[in-house]
Amino acid sequence: MSRIAAIQKQIDMALEKQTRPLDRRTAYIHTYGVAQACALLAKRREQERFWRLSLELGMPV
């Protein structure tokens, strides 16, 4: 299992524990929003490796 897949699995397991749908949705939005912000900062700093990682996670940049 790749590192990305392992991280995605752990995040999904943690978010699935949320019992209220609104909390779960908010958690997903927050998690991917933070990841997108990190990708934008990495791109701005010209850190191609992290920018490509965000693309592999399927987040728009």
Protein backbone atom coordinates (compact mmCIF):
# COMPACT_ATOMS: atom_id res chain seq x y z
CA MET A 1 0.00 0.00 0.00
CA SER A 2 1.38 3.39 -0.94
CA ARG A 3 1.86 6.13 1.58
CA ILE A 4 -0.98 8.16 0.06
CA ALA A 5 -3.38 5.22 0.20
CA ALA A 6 -2.47 4.57 3.84
CA ILE A 7 -3.12 8.20 4.77
CA GLN A 8 -6.43 8.23 2.88
CA LYS A 9 -7.52 5.03 4.62
CA GLN A 10 -6.74 6.43 8.08
CA ILE A 11 -8.53 9.71 7.36
CA ASP A 12 -11.57 7.92 5.95
CA MET A 13 -11.76 5.62 8.99
CA ALA A 14 -11.59 8.59 11.35
CA LEU A 15 -14.24 10.54 9.45
CA GLU A 16 -16.58 7.55 9.20
CA LYS A 17 -16.74 7.49 13.00
CA GLN A 18 -18.61 10.78 12.94
CA THR A 19 -22.21 9.94 13.77
CA ARG A 20 -23.82 13.15 12.59
CA PRO A 21 -23.86 13.64 8.81
CA LEU A 22 -23.29 17.39 9.09
CA ASP A 23 -20.20 16.86 11.26
CA ARG A 24 -18.87 14.29 8.80
CA ARG A 25 -19.42 16.60 5.83
CA THR A 26 -17.80 19.51 7.64
CA ALA A 27 -14.80 17.35 8.55
CA TYR A 28 -14.33 16.25 4.92
CA ILE A 29 -14.57 19.83 3.67
CA HIS A 30 -12.09 21.04 6.28
CA THR A 31 -9.63 18.19 5.67
CA TYR A 32 -9.50 18.65 1.91
CA GLY A 33 -9.48 22.44 2.26
CA VAL A 34 -6.39 22.26 4.47
CA ALA A 35 -4.73 19.89 2.00
CA GLN A 36 -5.51 22.24 -0.87
CA ALA A 37 -4.08 25.21 1.03
CA CYS A 38 -0.88 23.22 1.69
CA ALA A 39 -0.66 22.34 -1.99
CA LEU A 40 -1.04 25.99 -2.99
CA LEU A 41 1.67 27.04 -0.55
CA ALA A 42 3.97 24.31 -1.82
CA LYS A 43 3.33 25.38 -5.40
CA ARG A 44 4.05 28.97 -4.48
CA ARG A 45 7.31 27.89 -2.90
CA GLU A 46 8.02 25.81 -6.00
CA GLN A 47 8.01 22.53 -4.17
CA GLU A 48 6.94 20.35 -7.06
CA ARG A 49 6.96 17.13 -5.03
CA PHE A 50 4.21 18.30 -2.69
CA TRP A 51 2.24 19.90 -5.50
CA ARG A 52 2.22 16.58 -7.37
CA LEU A 53 1.14 14.78 -4.21
CA SER A 54 -1.95 16.98 -4.03
CA LEU A 55 -2.76 16.05 -7.61
CA GLU A 56 -2.48 12.36 -6.72
CA LEU A 57 -4.96 12.92 -3.89
CA GLY A 58 -7.37 14.35 -6.44
CA MET A 59 -7.49 17.88 -5.12
CA PRO A 60 -7.73 20.81 -7.50
CA VAL A 61 -4.89 23.30 -7.35
